[in-house]
Protein backbone atom coordinates (compact mmCIF):
# COMPACT_ATOMS: atom_id res chain seq x y z
CA UNK A 1 -15.91 16.58 -20.36
CA UNK A 2 -12.82 14.57 -22.00
CA UNK A 3 -13.65 12.11 -24.49
CA UNK A 4 -10.33 12.35 -26.52
CA UNK A 5 -8.42 9.32 -27.47
CA UNK A 6 -5.76 8.52 -24.86
CA UNK A 7 -2.28 8.83 -26.23
CA UNK A 8 0.27 6.08 -25.91
CA UNK A 9 3.45 6.61 -23.94
CA UNK A 10 5.79 8.16 -23.79
CA UNK A 11 4.30 11.75 -23.40
CA UNK A 12 4.79 14.14 -26.30
CA UNK A 13 5.66 16.63 -23.63
CA UNK A 14 8.82 17.92 -21.91
CA UNK A 15 8.57 16.10 -18.60
CA UNK A 16 11.93 17.30 -17.46
CA UNK A 17 11.47 20.94 -16.96
CA UNK A 18 13.64 22.94 -14.37
CA UNK A 19 10.75 22.95 -11.88
CA UNK A 20 10.12 19.38 -12.20
CA UNK A 21 13.69 18.62 -11.75
CA UNK A 22 13.95 20.86 -8.58
CA UNK A 23 11.11 18.78 -7.06
CA UNK A 24 12.85 15.51 -8.18
CA UNK A 25 16.04 16.43 -6.26
CA UNK A 26 13.95 16.61 -2.96
CA UNK A 27 11.91 13.47 -3.76
CA UNK A 28 14.95 11.38 -4.40
CA UNK A 29 16.66 12.60 -1.35
CA UNK A 30 13.89 11.78 0.93
CA UNK A 31 13.27 8.34 -0.56
CA UNK A 32 16.91 7.47 -0.26
CA UNK A 33 16.83 8.18 3.36
CA UNK A 34 13.81 5.80 3.85
CA UNK A 35 15.60 3.12 1.97
CA UNK A 36 18.91 3.70 3.64
CA UNK A 37 17.26 3.46 7.23
CA UNK A 38 14.88 0.30 6.17
CA UNK A 39 17.93 -1.54 4.99
CA UNK A 40 19.45 -1.57 8.46
CA UNK A 41 16.42 -3.22 10.16
CA UNK A 42 16.97 -6.93 10.61
CA UNK A 43 13.29 -8.02 10.45
CA UNK A 44 11.62 -6.09 7.77
CA UNK A 45 8.41 -8.31 7.81
CA UNK A 46 7.45 -6.66 11.07
CA UNK A 47 7.44 -3.15 9.57
CA UNK A 48 6.00 -4.31 6.22
CA UNK A 49 2.98 -5.68 7.94
CA UNK A 50 2.29 -2.69 9.93
CA UNK A 51 2.66 -0.54 6.91
CA UNK A 52 0.58 -2.65 4.56
CA UNK A 53 -2.25 -2.44 7.07
CA UNK A 54 -1.98 1.22 7.27
CA UNK A 55 -1.98 1.53 3.44
CA UNK A 56 -4.72 -0.83 2.89
CA UNK A 57 -7.01 1.17 5.22
CA UNK A 58 -5.84 4.62 3.63
CA UNK A 59 -6.25 3.38 0.15
CA UNK A 60 -9.90 2.12 0.63
CA UNK A 61 -10.75 5.30 2.52
CA UNK A 62 -9.97 7.25 -0.76
CA UNK A 63 -12.64 5.08 -2.57
CA UNK A 64 -14.99 6.23 0.44
CA UNK A 65 -14.90 2.70 1.78
CA UNK A 66 -14.03 3.75 5.53
CA UNK A 67 -13.39 1.29 8.32
CA UNK A 68 -11.92 1.96 11.76
CA UNK A 69 -8.79 0.36 13.09
CA UNK A 70 -10.97 -1.47 15.74
CA UNK A 71 -13.18 -2.94 12.84
CA UNK A 72 -10.16 -3.77 10.89
CA UNK A 73 -8.50 -5.47 14.04
CA UNK A 74 -11.66 -7.62 14.53
CA UNK A 75 -11.90 -8.68 10.89
CA UNK A 76 -8.18 -9.75 10.77
CA UNK A 77 -8.37 -11.61 13.90
CA UNK A 78 -11.58 -13.46 13.27
CA UNK A 79 -12.51 -15.36 10.18
CA UNK A 80 -16.15 -15.04 10.66
CA UNK A 81 -16.43 -11.37 11.55
CA UNK A 82 -18.52 -9.88 9.03
CA UNK A 83 -17.84 -6.04 8.07
CA UNK A 84 -17.53 -5.49 4.37
CA UNK A 85 -15.14 -2.22 4.56
CA UNK A 86 -12.69 -4.13 6.74
CA UNK A 87 -12.97 -7.23 4.52
CA UNK A 88 -11.99 -5.09 1.50
CA UNK A 89 -8.93 -3.63 3.41
CA UNK A 90 -7.70 -7.27 4.26
CA UNK A 91 -8.23 -8.13 0.50
CA UNK A 92 -6.03 -5.13 -0.29
CA UNK A 93 -3.28 -6.18 2.12
CA UNK A 94 -3.27 -9.74 0.55
CA UNK A 95 -3.08 -8.06 -3.05
CA UNK A 96 -0.10 -6.13 -1.93
CA UNK A 97 1.73 -9.10 -0.57
CA UNK A 98 1.06 -10.96 -3.76
CA UNK A 99 2.31 -8.25 -5.99
CA UNK A 100 5.64 -7.77 -4.05
CA UNK A 101 6.37 -11.50 -4.04
CA UNK A 102 5.67 -11.58 -7.79
CA UNK A 103 7.94 -8.58 -8.40
CA UNK A 104 10.88 -10.12 -6.28
CA UNK A 105 10.53 -13.37 -8.18
CA UNK A 106 10.17 -12.14 -11.79
CA UNK A 107 11.66 -8.67 -11.67
CA UNK A 108 9.11 -7.54 -14.11
CA UNK A 109 5.64 -6.06 -13.85
CA UNK A 110 3.20 -7.51 -16.48
CA UNK A 111 -0.54 -6.87 -17.37
CA UNK A 112 -1.32 -10.32 -16.16
CA UNK A 113 0.26 -9.64 -12.80
CA UNK A 114 -1.77 -6.29 -12.52
CA UNK A 115 -5.03 -8.26 -13.42
CA UNK A 116 -4.09 -10.73 -10.56
CA UNK A 117 -3.84 -7.81 -8.22
CA UNK A 118 -7.12 -6.33 -9.13
CA UNK A 119 -8.68 -9.72 -8.86
CA UNK A 120 -7.45 -10.17 -5.17
CA UNK A 121 -8.44 -6.58 -4.29
CA UNK A 122 -11.93 -6.93 -5.71
CA UNK A 123 -12.23 -10.63 -5.10
CA UNK A 124 -13.79 -11.04 -8.53
CA UNK A 125 -12.90 -12.53 -11.90
CA UNK A 126 -14.12 -9.66 -14.15
CA UNK A 127 -10.75 -8.83 -15.70
CA UNK A 128 -10.21 -6.23 -18.27
CA UNK A 129 -13.38 -4.30 -19.23
CA UNK A 130 -15.17 -5.82 -22.08
CA UNK A 131 -18.63 -3.96 -21.93
CA UNK A 132 -18.99 -0.26 -23.26
CA UNK A 133 -20.53 2.52 -21.02
CA UNK A 134 -17.87 3.14 -18.43
CA UNK A 135 -18.13 6.79 -17.52
CA UNK A 136 -16.20 8.76 -14.47
CA UNK A 137 -18.59 11.12 -12.92
CA UNK A 138 -18.34 13.80 -10.24
CA UNK A 139 -19.67 12.32 -7.22
CA UNK A 140 -21.48 15.45 -6.01
CA UNK A 141 -23.01 16.83 -9.19
CA UNK A 142 -23.33 13.60 -11.44
CA UNK A 143 -21.39 15.50 -14.21
CA UNK A 144 -19.26 13.31 -16.61
CA UNK A 145 -15.61 14.17 -16.10
CA UNK A 146 -13.99 11.60 -18.14
CA UNK A 147 -14.80 8.70 -20.55
CA UNK A 148 -11.98 6.16 -20.58
CA UNK A 149 -11.14 4.01 -23.46
CA UNK A 150 -13.70 1.31 -24.45
CA UNK A 151 -13.34 -2.09 -25.76
CA UNK A 152 -10.97 -5.14 -24.56
CA UNK A 153 -8.85 -4.78 -27.68
CA UNK A 154 -8.26 -1.12 -27.18
CA UNK A 155 -7.81 -1.44 -23.50
CA UNK A 156 -5.22 -4.33 -23.94
CA UNK A 157 -3.34 -2.48 -26.58
CA UNK A 158 -2.87 0.56 -24.12
CA UNK A 159 -1.99 -1.73 -21.33
CA UNK A 160 0.75 -3.45 -23.43
CA UNK A 161 2.20 -0.01 -24.12
CA UNK A 162 2.09 0.86 -20.40
CA UNK A 163 3.73 -2.61 -19.53
CA UNK A 164 6.50 -1.64 -22.04
CA UNK A 165 7.01 1.73 -20.54
CA UNK A 166 7.16 0.26 -16.99
CA UNK A 167 9.72 -2.42 -17.64
CA UNK A 168 11.96 -1.07 -20.47
CA UNK A 169 14.20 1.88 -19.80
CA UNK A 170 14.65 3.03 -23.26
CA UNK A 171 14.96 6.65 -22.18
CA UNK A 172 16.89 8.39 -19.57
CA UNK A 173 13.90 9.61 -17.60
CA UNK A 174 14.14 9.41 -13.82
CA UNK A 175 11.88 6.60 -12.34
CA UNK A 176 10.17 8.94 -9.98
CA UNK A 177 9.02 11.14 -12.96
CA UNK A 178 8.18 7.99 -14.77
CA UNK A 179 6.03 6.84 -11.67
CA UNK A 180 4.00 9.97 -12.04
CA UNK A 181 3.41 9.40 -15.87
CA UNK A 182 2.63 5.59 -15.04
CA UNK A 183 0.16 6.43 -12.51
CA UNK A 184 -1.58 8.89 -14.71
CA UNK A 185 -1.71 6.53 -17.56
CA UNK A 186 -3.13 3.66 -15.71
CA UNK A 187 -5.91 5.62 -14.11
CA UNK A 188 -6.75 6.98 -17.43
CA UNK A 189 -7.07 3.53 -19.15
CA UNK A 190 -9.07 2.52 -16.33
CA UNK A 191 -8.93 -1.02 -17.37
CA UNK A 192 -11.21 -2.63 -14.91
CA UNK A 193 -14.87 -2.39 -13.84
CA UNK A 194 -13.87 -1.54 -10.24
CA UNK A 195 -10.78 -1.34 -8.15
CA UNK A 196 -8.71 0.76 -10.66
CA UNK A 197 -7.63 3.33 -7.91
CA UNK A 198 -6.47 0.81 -5.31
CA UNK A 199 -4.77 -1.25 -8.14
CA UNK A 200 -2.94 1.85 -9.48
CA UNK A 201 -1.67 2.67 -5.93
CA UNK A 202 -0.13 -0.86 -5.55
CA UNK A 203 1.55 -0.35 -9.03
CA UNK A 204 3.10 2.75 -7.72
CA UNK A 205 5.14 0.99 -4.91
CA UNK A 206 5.75 -2.06 -6.86
CA UNK A 207 7.43 -0.05 -9.50
CA UNK A 208 9.65 1.71 -6.82
CA UNK A 209 10.70 -1.96 -5.80
CA UNK A 210 11.06 -2.95 -9.43
CA UNK A 211 13.66 0.13 -10.00
CA UNK A 212 15.54 -0.75 -6.70
CA UNK A 213 14.34 2.53 -5.31
CA UNK A 214 13.39 0.52 -2.38
CA UNK A 215 14.15 -2.97 -1.30
CA UNK A 216 10.87 -3.42 0.61
CA UNK A 217 7.48 -2.06 -0.40
CA UNK A 218 7.31 0.70 2.41
CA UNK A 219 6.18 3.84 0.54
CA UNK A 220 2.47 4.43 -0.11
CA UNK A 221 0.81 7.85 -1.31
CA UNK A 222 -2.70 7.01 -0.10
CA UNK A 223 -2.50 9.08 2.98
CA UNK A 224 -1.02 12.06 0.89
CA UNK A 225 -3.76 11.75 -1.68
CA UNK A 226 -6.34 11.68 1.13
CA UNK A 227 -4.93 15.00 2.31
CA UNK A 228 -4.96 16.54 -1.01
CA UNK A 229 -7.69 14.61 -2.87
CA UNK A 230 -9.12 17.68 -4.62
CA UNK A 231 -5.84 18.50 -6.20
CA UNK A 232 -5.31 14.83 -7.11
CA UNK A 233 -8.54 14.66 -9.25
CA UNK A 234 -8.17 18.01 -10.55
CA UNK A 235 -4.59 17.57 -11.70
CA UNK A 236 -5.47 13.99 -13.30
CA UNK A 237 -8.19 15.89 -15.36
CA UNK A 238 -6.03 18.65 -16.28
CA UNK A 239 -3.33 16.37 -17.93
CA UNK A 240 -6.29 14.90 -20.06
CA UNK A 241 -7.68 18.38 -21.06
CA UNK A 242 -4.80 20.72 -20.74
CA UNK A 243 -1.72 18.54 -20.91
CA UNK A 244 -0.68 20.01 -17.61
CA UNK A 245 1.97 17.31 -16.97
CA UNK A 246 4.23 19.72 -15.09
CA UNK A 247 1.85 20.29 -12.26
CA UNK A 248 0.74 16.73 -11.86
CA UNK A 249 4.47 15.35 -11.88
CA UNK A 250 5.47 18.11 -9.33
CA UNK A 251 2.31 16.74 -7.18
CA UNK A 252 3.39 13.27 -7.27
CA UNK A 253 7.13 14.14 -6.53
CA UNK A 254 6.04 16.21 -3.53
CA UNK A 255 3.84 13.31 -2.45
CA UNK A 256 6.87 11.04 -2.54
CA UNK A 257 9.10 13.58 -0.67
CA UNK A 258 6.40 14.08 2.14
CA UNK A 259 5.35 10.45 2.38
CA UNK A 260 9.04 9.31 2.38
CA UNK A 261 9.57 11.42 5.60
CA UNK A 262 6.26 10.46 7.21
CA UNK A 263 7.01 6.88 6.72
CA UNK A 264 10.55 7.17 7.95
CA UNK A 265 9.23 8.52 11.11
CA UNK A 266 6.62 5.81 11.50
CA UNK A 267 9.19 3.10 10.74
CA UNK A 268 11.70 4.57 13.19
CA UNK A 269 8.68 4.47 15.89
CA UNK A 270 7.91 0.95 15.44
CA UNK A 271 11.53 -0.10 15.48
CA UNK A 272 12.21 1.79 18.68
CA UNK A 273 9.22 -0.07 20.25
CA UNK A 274 10.46 -3.49 19.02
CA UNK A 275 13.91 -2.64 20.81
CA UNK A 276 12.26 -1.40 23.94
CA UNK A 277 9.93 -4.25 24.36
CA UNK A 278 12.81 -6.79 23.47
CA UNK A 279 14.99 -5.26 26.25
CA UNK A 280 11.94 -5.10 28.73
CA UNK A 281 11.07 -8.98 28.05
CA UNK A 282 14.71 -9.76 28.37
CA UNK A 283 15.05 -8.03 31.76
CA UNK A 284 11.80 -8.97 33.34
CA UNK A 285 11.03 -12.33 31.63
CA UNK A 286 14.28 -13.85 30.65
CA UNK A 287 12.93 -17.42 30.56
CA UNK A 288 10.17 -16.25 28.12
CA UNK A 289 12.34 -14.23 25.64
CA UNK A 290 13.28 -15.33 22.13
CA UNK A 291 13.61 -13.46 18.93
CA UNK A 292 10.80 -15.60 17.62
CA UNK A 293 8.52 -14.39 20.50
CA UNK A 294 9.17 -10.74 19.62
CA UNK A 295 8.66 -11.51 16.03
CA UNK A 296 5.07 -13.11 16.93
CA UNK A 297 4.16 -10.21 19.06
CA UNK A 298 4.90 -7.46 16.46
CA UNK A 299 4.02 -9.33 13.19
CA UNK A 300 0.42 -7.98 13.26
CA UNK A 301 -1.52 -6.09 15.74
CA UNK A 302 -2.58 -9.30 17.47
CA UNK A 303 -1.71 -13.02 18.06
CA UNK A 304 -3.36 -15.97 19.10
CA UNK A 305 -2.76 -19.29 21.23
CA UNK A 306 -2.26 -21.37 18.14
CA UNK A 307 0.28 -18.79 16.72
CA UNK A 308 2.42 -19.17 19.75
CA UNK A 309 2.02 -22.96 19.59
CA UNK A 310 3.30 -23.11 16.07
CA UNK A 311 5.68 -20.18 15.96
CA UNK A 312 7.63 -21.28 19.19
CA UNK A 313 7.02 -25.02 18.93
CA UNK A 314 5.43 -25.35 22.21
CA UNK A 315 2.31 -27.12 23.65
CA UNK A 316 -1.04 -25.22 23.85
CA UNK A 317 -0.67 -25.23 27.55
CA UNK A 318 2.66 -23.59 27.49
CA UNK A 319 1.26 -21.12 25.01
CA UNK A 320 -1.53 -20.03 27.26
CA UNK A 321 0.87 -19.73 30.11
CA UNK A 322 3.22 -17.36 27.89
CA UNK A 323 0.39 -15.25 26.70
CA UNK A 324 -1.14 -14.72 30.27
CA UNK A 325 2.35 -13.89 31.76
CA UNK A 326 2.74 -11.16 28.78
CA UNK A 327 -0.61 -9.79 29.41
CA UNK A 328 -0.17 -9.81 33.11
CA UNK A 329 3.09 -7.88 32.79
CA UNK A 330 1.45 -5.39 30.41
CA UNK A 331 2.90 -6.58 27.04
CA UNK A 332 -0.43 -7.52 25.62
CA UNK A 333 -4.05 -6.95 26.11
CA UNK A 334 -6.71 -9.59 25.43
CA UNK A 335 -10.26 -9.89 24.59
CA UNK A 336 -12.69 -12.74 23.46
CA UNK A 337 -13.88 -12.38 19.95
CA UNK A 338 -16.10 -14.98 18.93
CA UNK A 339 -14.79 -18.33 20.43
CA UNK A 340 -11.22 -17.32 20.59
CA UNK A 341 -9.11 -15.15 22.92
CA UNK A 342 -7.31 -12.64 21.03
CA UNK A 343 -4.08 -10.91 22.41
CA UNK A 344 -3.34 -7.29 20.83
CA UNK A 345 -0.06 -5.44 20.84
CA UNK A 346 -1.66 -2.24 21.93
CA UNK A 347 1.52 -0.13 21.44
CA UNK A 348 1.74 -1.32 17.81
CA UNK A 349 -1.85 -0.76 17.35
CA UNK A 350 -1.84 2.83 18.75
CA UNK A 351 1.35 3.73 16.63
CA UNK A 352 -0.26 2.85 13.57
CA UNK A 353 -3.59 4.20 14.37
CA UNK A 354 -2.24 7.36 15.68
CA UNK A 355 -0.03 7.80 12.42
CA UNK A 356 -3.21 7.46 10.34
CA UNK A 357 -5.04 9.94 12.26
């Protein structure tokens, strides 16, 4: 068990060892490839939404809040569909969008923005922990693993130090190394009663956008953490009790490298399907084709009659005709959820679901 006082940043340790720098070169190369390709795509919102949905599902799965893509699809498409795990994923997606818009507008990541992100993820107003007694336990044995800082004053002081480390580049440390340090420190501060893991994973990608390593928030480590969950928690704890920074930083850098390439593969697949469907509709249904129509079909897993009405500026009757024609030609499939008919882009749905699997 570790109950030592959490040191402030920067770490009193060499975080630029030869082994770390070798891993850093690979991570930066992979991330640059993802950024370079994504910069060439005309409508990033299509990709962002698909990847946001995938990340929201994966991030919640780390906390053992499991939902299927089918459950998620139903929650997203029906306001009254009641599945707590799916609802949590939708909240996480909203928090991602919120954080991204704040970073774009303000060019800074503050404690208050982080508090607002957690509020959206958890849908509560608890804010920074005020009550003592928070302990992190092994979920199988019940053993106390770590006791985070206690008391609002101490937590806010640590968050203020973290905020400065995030926003001020007063050292020459590469941002990807700093990201590993930031993630460790946030999870160790554990500032909230709940939602710390998911909030920390949002901070990761917002930091990459803040430092211009990505123009759009496309890279998320949740799927990598799921595959290497035991190492994730072991190494977090080894930094606390052994100051094993090197192995922790290499773990994160390897995650950035692997995830950059897997995300690049998914982004290319989605972009190829957008191009393919665009060409098919132009050829087979030229009177229906417009860029706006393609955007509506790929913006999320599904679309509705009212989305077509509003997005294309057409009557309900015309929207129904368009959607029925697209379904008849095999571009969409539909089902009735509640009182509404929902039209699913199965190609996009299967791409994201297959990548998660």
